[in-house]
Amino acid sequence: MFSCLALPKTAAFFRAECAANSSSALHPIFMRFTSPTGKVPVNGTLPWFEQDLAAFLLIRSEYAWLGYSWAGCDRQYVRPTMLDNDFGEPLGGARCKETSEGSGIFHREWTNAHVSLDTNTNEATITMKPAAQARGDEGPSSTTTILG
């Protein structure tokens, strides 16, 4: 199983993991939510949740998990409502791609969403598509853009 923290990830990481023969393409993956300390946040916040989710959706394979590593039962774990969205499946089974050579901006089309992450600015954008919005899957807004 391929396991990693979601952030920070460089353009080199995504160039490698977007390839059809990458670790994340060939094996189940587990990505942990990122925290400033590298440990499960004790105050119940996820400061880079949208970036974590975008990174996960960019590289996830058929079997993939995003969440917390084990830190005990005595913690308050948050579960953002954005996780309730149905992002669908990767269009045509395609992996993530860099928008242009050397741009550092990676995107992936899902049946119900468009996902992108700019590794230069750590800006994540997850845009739900109209069919998903009609089902009520858009969460708090149809487009979420978060700056790092």
N, C-alpha and C. Protein backbone atom coordinates (compact mmCIF):
# COMPACT_ATOMS: atom_id res chain seq x y z
N MET A 1 0.84 -1.17 0.00
CA MET A 1 0.00 0.00 0.00
C MET A 1 0.88 1.23 0.00
N PHE A 2 0.55 2.19 -0.83
CA PHE A 2 1.23 3.46 -0.94
C PHE A 2 0.62 4.40 0.09
N SER A 3 1.44 4.98 0.97
CA SER A 3 0.92 5.84 2.03
C SER A 3 1.74 7.12 2.08
N CYS A 4 1.06 8.25 2.24
CA CYS A 4 1.79 9.51 2.34
C CYS A 4 0.90 10.60 2.94
N LEU A 5 1.56 11.64 3.43
CA LEU A 5 0.85 12.85 3.80
C LEU A 5 0.44 13.55 2.51
N ALA A 6 -0.66 14.22 2.52
CA ALA A 6 -1.13 14.87 1.30
C ALA A 6 -0.30 16.09 0.92
N LEU A 7 0.18 16.86 1.91
CA LEU A 7 0.93 18.08 1.61
C LEU A 7 2.22 18.12 2.37
N PRO A 8 3.16 18.90 1.98
CA PRO A 8 3.17 19.58 0.69
C PRO A 8 3.66 18.62 -0.38
N LYS A 9 3.14 18.76 -1.56
CA LYS A 9 3.56 17.94 -2.69
C LYS A 9 4.09 18.86 -3.77
N THR A 10 5.17 18.44 -4.36
CA THR A 10 5.81 19.23 -5.40
C THR A 10 5.31 18.80 -6.78
N ALA A 11 5.64 19.61 -7.77
CA ALA A 11 5.31 19.26 -9.15
C ALA A 11 5.97 17.93 -9.51
N ALA A 12 7.18 17.69 -9.03
CA ALA A 12 7.87 16.42 -9.33
C ALA A 12 7.08 15.23 -8.79
N PHE A 13 6.48 15.38 -7.60
CA PHE A 13 5.66 14.31 -7.04
C PHE A 13 4.50 13.98 -7.98
N PHE A 14 3.77 15.01 -8.42
CA PHE A 14 2.61 14.78 -9.28
C PHE A 14 3.03 14.28 -10.66
N ARG A 15 4.14 14.77 -11.19
CA ARG A 15 4.60 14.25 -12.48
C ARG A 15 4.84 12.75 -12.39
N ALA A 16 5.42 12.31 -11.28
CA ALA A 16 5.67 10.87 -11.09
C ALA A 16 4.37 10.11 -10.85
N GLU A 17 3.50 10.63 -9.97
CA GLU A 17 2.29 9.90 -9.58
C GLU A 17 1.17 9.96 -10.61
N CYS A 18 1.22 10.89 -11.54
CA CYS A 18 0.21 10.95 -12.59
C CYS A 18 0.49 9.92 -13.69
N ALA A 19 1.66 9.33 -13.69
CA ALA A 19 2.02 8.34 -14.71
C ALA A 19 1.21 7.05 -14.52
N ALA A 20 0.94 6.38 -15.62
CA ALA A 20 0.13 5.16 -15.59
C ALA A 20 0.79 4.04 -14.79
N ASN A 21 2.11 4.06 -14.67
CA ASN A 21 2.82 3.00 -13.94
C ASN A 21 3.32 3.46 -12.57
N SER A 22 2.73 4.52 -12.01
CA SER A 22 3.16 5.04 -10.71
C SER A 22 2.69 4.15 -9.57
N SER A 23 3.25 4.36 -8.40
CA SER A 23 2.84 3.61 -7.21
C SER A 23 1.36 3.79 -6.92
N SER A 24 0.88 5.04 -7.03
CA SER A 24 -0.53 5.29 -6.72
C SER A 24 -1.47 4.73 -7.78
N ALA A 25 -0.98 4.52 -9.00
CA ALA A 25 -1.82 3.94 -10.05
C ALA A 25 -1.91 2.43 -9.93
N LEU A 26 -0.87 1.82 -9.41
CA LEU A 26 -0.79 0.35 -9.39
C LEU A 26 -1.17 -0.29 -8.07
N HIS A 27 -1.23 0.51 -6.99
CA HIS A 27 -1.45 -0.05 -5.66
C HIS A 27 -2.53 0.75 -4.92
N PRO A 28 -3.17 0.12 -3.95
CA PRO A 28 -4.07 0.89 -3.07
C PRO A 28 -3.28 1.99 -2.38
N ILE A 29 -3.93 3.11 -2.13
CA ILE A 29 -3.23 4.21 -1.47
C ILE A 29 -3.99 4.67 -0.23
N PHE A 30 -3.24 5.21 0.72
CA PHE A 30 -3.80 5.86 1.89
C PHE A 30 -3.09 7.20 2.03
N MET A 31 -3.85 8.27 2.01
CA MET A 31 -3.29 9.60 2.24
C MET A 31 -3.86 10.15 3.53
N ARG A 32 -2.96 10.69 4.36
CA ARG A 32 -3.38 11.28 5.64
C ARG A 32 -3.62 12.76 5.47
N PHE A 33 -4.60 13.27 6.23
CA PHE A 33 -4.79 14.71 6.28
C PHE A 33 -3.53 15.35 6.83
N THR A 34 -3.21 16.52 6.32
CA THR A 34 -2.00 17.23 6.72
C THR A 34 -2.28 18.13 7.91
N SER A 35 -1.31 18.21 8.80
CA SER A 35 -1.39 19.14 9.92
C SER A 35 -0.04 19.84 10.06
N PRO A 36 -0.02 20.99 10.70
CA PRO A 36 1.24 21.72 10.84
C PRO A 36 2.32 20.92 11.58
N THR A 37 1.91 20.03 12.49
CA THR A 37 2.88 19.27 13.28
C THR A 37 3.20 17.91 12.68
N GLY A 38 2.44 17.48 11.68
CA GLY A 38 2.62 16.15 11.12
C GLY A 38 1.86 15.09 11.90
N LYS A 39 1.19 15.50 12.97
CA LYS A 39 0.39 14.58 13.79
C LYS A 39 -1.08 14.92 13.60
N VAL A 40 -1.96 14.04 14.08
CA VAL A 40 -3.39 14.32 13.99
C VAL A 40 -3.67 15.60 14.75
N PRO A 41 -4.35 16.56 14.11
CA PRO A 41 -4.64 17.83 14.78
C PRO A 41 -5.42 17.61 16.08
N VAL A 42 -4.96 18.23 17.14
CA VAL A 42 -5.62 18.05 18.44
C VAL A 42 -6.82 18.96 18.62
N ASN A 43 -6.90 20.03 17.84
CA ASN A 43 -8.00 20.98 18.02
C ASN A 43 -9.14 20.72 17.03
N GLY A 44 -9.09 19.62 16.31
CA GLY A 44 -10.18 19.27 15.41
C GLY A 44 -10.24 20.06 14.12
N THR A 45 -9.15 20.71 13.73
CA THR A 45 -9.15 21.45 12.48
C THR A 45 -8.28 20.76 11.44
N LEU A 46 -8.60 20.99 10.20
CA LEU A 46 -7.81 20.48 9.08
C LEU A 46 -7.44 21.69 8.22
N PRO A 47 -6.30 22.34 8.50
CA PRO A 47 -5.98 23.60 7.85
C PRO A 47 -5.80 23.52 6.34
N TRP A 48 -5.48 22.35 5.81
CA TRP A 48 -5.27 22.21 4.37
C TRP A 48 -6.19 21.14 3.79
N PHE A 49 -7.41 21.07 4.30
CA PHE A 49 -8.32 20.01 3.86
C PHE A 49 -8.55 20.02 2.34
N GLU A 50 -8.85 21.18 1.77
CA GLU A 50 -9.15 21.23 0.34
C GLU A 50 -7.95 20.83 -0.50
N GLN A 51 -6.75 21.24 -0.09
CA GLN A 51 -5.55 20.82 -0.81
C GLN A 51 -5.33 19.32 -0.66
N ASP A 52 -5.57 18.79 0.54
CA ASP A 52 -5.45 17.35 0.76
C ASP A 52 -6.42 16.59 -0.13
N LEU A 53 -7.67 17.05 -0.18
CA LEU A 53 -8.68 16.38 -0.99
C LEU A 53 -8.34 16.47 -2.47
N ALA A 54 -7.90 17.63 -2.93
CA ALA A 54 -7.52 17.78 -4.34
C ALA A 54 -6.35 16.86 -4.69
N ALA A 55 -5.32 16.82 -3.84
CA ALA A 55 -4.17 15.94 -4.10
C ALA A 55 -4.62 14.48 -4.16
N PHE A 56 -5.50 14.09 -3.25
CA PHE A 56 -6.03 12.74 -3.22
C PHE A 56 -6.79 12.41 -4.50
N LEU A 57 -7.68 13.31 -4.91
CA LEU A 57 -8.47 13.07 -6.12
C LEU A 57 -7.61 13.08 -7.38
N LEU A 58 -6.51 13.81 -7.35
CA LEU A 58 -5.62 13.82 -8.52
C LEU A 58 -4.95 12.47 -8.73
N ILE A 59 -4.52 11.82 -7.66
CA ILE A 59 -3.72 10.60 -7.84
C ILE A 59 -4.41 9.31 -7.44
N ARG A 60 -5.61 9.37 -6.88
CA ARG A 60 -6.22 8.16 -6.33
C ARG A 60 -6.43 7.10 -7.39
N SER A 61 -6.33 5.86 -6.92
CA SER A 61 -6.56 4.69 -7.76
C SER A 61 -7.93 4.12 -7.42
N GLU A 62 -8.20 2.93 -7.91
CA GLU A 62 -9.50 2.31 -7.65
C GLU A 62 -9.72 2.07 -6.16
N TYR A 63 -8.67 1.71 -5.45
CA TYR A 63 -8.76 1.46 -4.01
C TYR A 63 -7.92 2.51 -3.29
N ALA A 64 -8.58 3.44 -2.61
CA ALA A 64 -7.86 4.55 -2.00
C ALA A 64 -8.63 5.07 -0.80
N TRP A 65 -7.87 5.56 0.19
CA TRP A 65 -8.45 6.09 1.41
C TRP A 65 -7.78 7.42 1.74
N LEU A 66 -8.59 8.35 2.23
CA LEU A 66 -8.09 9.63 2.71
C LEU A 66 -8.64 9.81 4.11
N GLY A 67 -7.78 10.08 5.05
CA GLY A 67 -8.27 10.26 6.41
C GLY A 67 -7.16 10.48 7.39
N TYR A 68 -7.44 10.09 8.62
CA TYR A 68 -6.49 10.23 9.72
C TYR A 68 -5.73 8.93 9.91
N SER A 69 -4.51 9.02 10.36
CA SER A 69 -3.84 7.81 10.82
C SER A 69 -4.32 7.56 12.26
N TRP A 70 -3.99 6.44 12.81
CA TRP A 70 -4.46 6.12 14.15
C TRP A 70 -3.81 7.03 15.18
N ALA A 71 -4.61 7.66 16.00
CA ALA A 71 -4.10 8.54 17.04
C ALA A 71 -4.84 8.33 18.36
N GLY A 72 -5.70 7.33 18.41
CA GLY A 72 -6.41 7.05 19.65
C GLY A 72 -7.89 7.42 19.55
N CYS A 73 -8.62 6.98 20.55
CA CYS A 73 -10.07 7.22 20.59
C CYS A 73 -10.44 8.46 21.38
N ASP A 74 -9.45 9.13 21.95
CA ASP A 74 -9.73 10.26 22.82
C ASP A 74 -9.61 11.60 22.11
N ARG A 75 -9.70 11.62 20.79
CA ARG A 75 -9.57 12.86 20.03
C ARG A 75 -10.88 13.22 19.36
N GLN A 76 -11.00 14.48 19.07
CA GLN A 76 -12.15 14.98 18.32
C GLN A 76 -11.75 15.00 16.85
N TYR A 77 -12.32 14.13 16.05
CA TYR A 77 -12.03 14.08 14.62
C TYR A 77 -13.11 14.84 13.86
N VAL A 78 -12.71 15.72 12.97
CA VAL A 78 -13.68 16.43 12.15
C VAL A 78 -13.88 15.66 10.85
N ARG A 79 -15.08 15.79 10.30
CA ARG A 79 -15.39 15.18 9.01
C ARG A 79 -16.06 16.25 8.15
N PRO A 80 -15.25 16.91 7.29
CA PRO A 80 -15.81 17.97 6.45
C PRO A 80 -16.94 17.46 5.56
N THR A 81 -17.98 18.29 5.40
CA THR A 81 -19.13 17.89 4.60
C THR A 81 -18.77 17.70 3.13
N MET A 82 -17.68 18.30 2.69
CA MET A 82 -17.26 18.12 1.30
C MET A 82 -16.98 16.64 0.97
N LEU A 83 -16.69 15.85 2.00
CA LEU A 83 -16.47 14.41 1.78
C LEU A 83 -17.75 13.69 1.40
N ASP A 84 -18.90 14.32 1.60
CA ASP A 84 -20.19 13.72 1.23
C ASP A 84 -20.48 13.85 -0.26
N ASN A 85 -19.69 14.63 -0.98
CA ASN A 85 -19.89 14.80 -2.42
C ASN A 85 -19.60 13.52 -3.17
N ASP A 86 -20.34 13.30 -4.25
CA ASP A 86 -20.08 12.20 -5.17
C ASP A 86 -19.27 12.78 -6.32
N PHE A 87 -17.97 12.55 -6.31
CA PHE A 87 -17.09 13.06 -7.35
C PHE A 87 -17.17 12.22 -8.61
N GLY A 88 -17.75 11.02 -8.48
CA GLY A 88 -17.90 10.14 -9.63
C GLY A 88 -16.65 9.32 -9.86
N GLU A 89 -16.35 9.09 -11.12
CA GLU A 89 -15.19 8.29 -11.53
C GLU A 89 -14.34 9.12 -12.47
N PRO A 90 -13.04 8.80 -12.57
CA PRO A 90 -12.19 9.52 -13.53
C PRO A 90 -12.74 9.33 -14.94
N LEU A 91 -12.89 10.41 -15.69
CA LEU A 91 -13.40 10.30 -17.06
C LEU A 91 -12.46 9.45 -17.89
N GLY A 92 -13.01 8.42 -18.48
CA GLY A 92 -12.21 7.54 -19.33
C GLY A 92 -11.09 6.83 -18.59
N GLY A 93 -11.15 6.80 -17.28
CA GLY A 93 -10.09 6.16 -16.50
C GLY A 93 -8.78 6.93 -16.52
N ALA A 94 -8.81 8.18 -16.99
CA ALA A 94 -7.58 8.97 -17.15
C ALA A 94 -6.95 9.32 -15.81
N ARG A 95 -5.64 9.39 -15.81
CA ARG A 95 -4.87 9.85 -14.66
C ARG A 95 -4.81 11.37 -14.70
N CYS A 96 -4.23 11.98 -13.68
CA CYS A 96 -4.05 13.43 -13.67
C CYS A 96 -3.03 13.83 -14.73
N LYS A 97 -3.10 15.10 -15.11
CA LYS A 97 -2.19 15.63 -16.12
C LYS A 97 -1.75 17.03 -15.72
N GLU A 98 -0.56 17.41 -16.16
CA GLU A 98 -0.08 18.78 -15.99
C GLU A 98 -0.70 19.60 -17.12
N THR A 99 -1.19 20.80 -16.80
CA THR A 99 -1.90 21.59 -17.81
C THR A 99 -1.02 21.91 -19.01
N SER A 100 0.24 22.19 -18.78
CA SER A 100 1.23 22.36 -19.84
C SER A 100 2.59 22.02 -19.24
N GLU A 101 3.51 21.63 -20.09
CA GLU A 101 4.82 21.19 -19.60
C GLU A 101 5.47 22.26 -18.73
N GLY A 102 5.82 21.85 -17.50
CA GLY A 102 6.50 22.75 -16.58
C GLY A 102 5.60 23.73 -15.84
N SER A 103 4.29 23.67 -16.04
CA SER A 103 3.40 24.65 -15.40
C SER A 103 3.26 24.44 -13.89
N GLY A 104 3.39 23.18 -13.44
CA GLY A 104 3.19 22.89 -12.02
C GLY A 104 1.73 22.87 -11.62
N ILE A 105 0.83 22.97 -12.59
CA ILE A 105 -0.61 22.92 -12.33
C ILE A 105 -1.14 21.59 -12.87
N PHE A 106 -1.78 20.84 -11.99
CA PHE A 106 -2.25 19.50 -12.35
C PHE A 106 -3.76 19.45 -12.24
N HIS A 107 -4.39 18.69 -13.14
CA HIS A 107 -5.84 18.59 -13.12
C HIS A 107 -6.27 17.17 -13.48
N ARG A 108 -7.51 16.88 -13.13
CA ARG A 108 -8.11 15.59 -13.45
C ARG A 108 -9.61 15.78 -13.54
N GLU A 109 -10.19 15.22 -14.57
CA GLU A 109 -11.63 15.29 -14.78
C GLU A 109 -12.29 14.05 -14.20
N TRP A 110 -13.30 14.29 -13.39
CA TRP A 110 -14.15 13.23 -12.86
C TRP A 110 -15.52 13.37 -13.50
N THR A 111 -16.33 12.35 -13.44
CA THR A 111 -17.66 12.45 -14.04
C THR A 111 -18.47 13.56 -13.41
N ASN A 112 -18.27 13.85 -12.13
CA ASN A 112 -19.07 14.86 -11.43
C ASN A 112 -18.27 16.08 -10.97
N ALA A 113 -16.98 16.13 -11.27
CA ALA A 113 -16.16 17.25 -10.78
C ALA A 113 -14.92 17.46 -11.63
N HIS A 114 -14.41 18.69 -11.56
CA HIS A 114 -13.11 19.02 -12.13
C HIS A 114 -12.22 19.38 -10.94
N VAL A 115 -11.03 18.80 -10.89
CA VAL A 115 -10.11 19.00 -9.77
C VAL A 115 -8.79 19.53 -10.31
N SER A 116 -8.26 20.57 -9.66
CA SER A 116 -6.93 21.05 -10.03
C SER A 116 -6.18 21.50 -8.78
N LEU A 117 -4.85 21.45 -8.90
CA LEU A 117 -3.98 21.89 -7.82
C LEU A 117 -2.76 22.55 -8.45
N ASP A 118 -2.52 23.78 -8.04
CA ASP A 118 -1.36 24.54 -8.50
C ASP A 118 -0.26 24.36 -7.46
N THR A 119 0.79 23.63 -7.81
CA THR A 119 1.86 23.35 -6.85
C THR A 119 2.74 24.57 -6.61
N ASN A 120 2.62 25.60 -7.44
CA ASN A 120 3.39 26.83 -7.25
C ASN A 120 2.81 27.69 -6.13
N THR A 121 1.48 27.71 -6.04
CA THR A 121 0.81 28.57 -5.07
C THR A 121 0.04 27.79 -4.00
N ASN A 122 -0.03 26.46 -4.17
CA ASN A 122 -0.79 25.58 -3.30
C ASN A 122 -2.28 25.92 -3.35
N GLU A 123 -2.76 26.36 -4.51
CA GLU A 123 -4.17 26.67 -4.70
C GLU A 123 -4.88 25.43 -5.23
N ALA A 124 -5.91 25.01 -4.51
CA ALA A 124 -6.72 23.86 -4.90
C ALA A 124 -8.08 24.34 -5.37
N THR A 125 -8.58 23.75 -6.45
CA THR A 125 -9.91 24.08 -6.95
C THR A 125 -10.66 22.78 -7.23
N ILE A 126 -11.82 22.65 -6.63
CA ILE A 126 -12.69 21.51 -6.88
C ILE A 126 -14.03 22.08 -7.32
N THR A 127 -14.39 21.84 -8.56
CA THR A 127 -15.63 22.37 -9.13
C THR A 127 -16.57 21.21 -9.44
N MET A 128 -17.70 21.21 -8.78
CA MET A 128 -18.70 20.18 -9.06
C MET A 128 -19.41 20.53 -10.36
N LYS A 129 -19.72 19.50 -11.16
CA LYS A 129 -20.38 19.70 -12.45
C LYS A 129 -21.89 19.79 -12.25
N PRO A 130 -22.60 20.41 -13.20
CA PRO A 130 -24.05 20.64 -13.04
C PRO A 130 -24.87 19.40 -12.69
N ALA A 131 -24.59 18.24 -13.26
CA ALA A 131 -25.37 17.04 -12.94
C ALA A 131 -25.24 16.70 -11.46
N ALA A 132 -24.04 16.84 -10.91
CA ALA A 132 -23.82 16.57 -9.49
C ALA A 132 -24.54 17.63 -8.65
N GLN A 133 -24.54 18.87 -9.11
CA GLN A 133 -25.22 19.94 -8.39
C GLN A 133 -26.73 19.70 -8.37
N ALA A 134 -27.27 19.18 -9.47
CA ALA A 134 -28.70 18.91 -9.54
C ALA A 134 -29.11 17.83 -8.53
N ARG A 135 -28.19 16.90 -8.23
CA ARG A 135 -28.47 15.87 -7.23
C ARG A 135 -28.25 16.39 -5.82
N GLY A 136 -27.71 17.60 -5.69
CA GLY A 136 -27.46 18.16 -4.36
C GLY A 136 -26.12 17.75 -3.79
N ASP A 137 -25.17 17.32 -4.65
CA ASP A 137 -23.88 16.85 -4.19
C ASP A 137 -22.82 17.94 -4.08
N GLU A 138 -23.19 19.19 -4.31
CA GLU A 138 -22.17 20.21 -4.39
C GLU A 138 -21.65 20.68 -3.04
N GLY A 139 -22.26 20.28 -1.95
CA GLY A 139 -21.78 20.72 -0.65
C GLY A 139 -22.07 22.20 -0.47
N PRO A 140 -21.20 22.92 0.24
CA PRO A 140 -21.47 24.30 0.57
C PRO A 140 -21.44 25.24 -0.63
N SER A 141 -20.67 24.92 -1.67
CA SER A 141 -20.63 25.76 -2.87
C SER A 141 -20.23 24.90 -4.05
N SER A 142 -20.51 25.35 -5.25
CA SER A 142 -20.20 24.55 -6.42
C SER A 142 -18.72 24.60 -6.76
N THR A 143 -18.04 25.64 -6.37
CA THR A 143 -16.60 25.73 -6.61
C THR A 143 -15.93 26.10 -5.29
N THR A 144 -14.91 25.35 -4.96
CA THR A 144 -14.13 25.65 -3.78
C THR A 144 -12.71 25.92 -4.22
N THR A 145 -12.22 27.10 -3.98
CA THR A 145 -10.84 27.46 -4.28
C THR A 145 -10.19 27.89 -2.98
N ILE A 146 -9.10 27.23 -2.66
CA ILE A 146 -8.41 27.52 -1.41
C ILE A 146 -6.95 27.84 -1.73
N LEU A 147 -6.46 28.93 -1.20
CA LEU A 147 -5.06 29.30 -1.36
C LEU A 147 -4.27 28.77 -0.18
N GLY A 148 -3.03 28.34 -0.43
CA GLY A 148 -2.18 27.76 0.60
C GLY A 148 -1.67 28.70 1.59
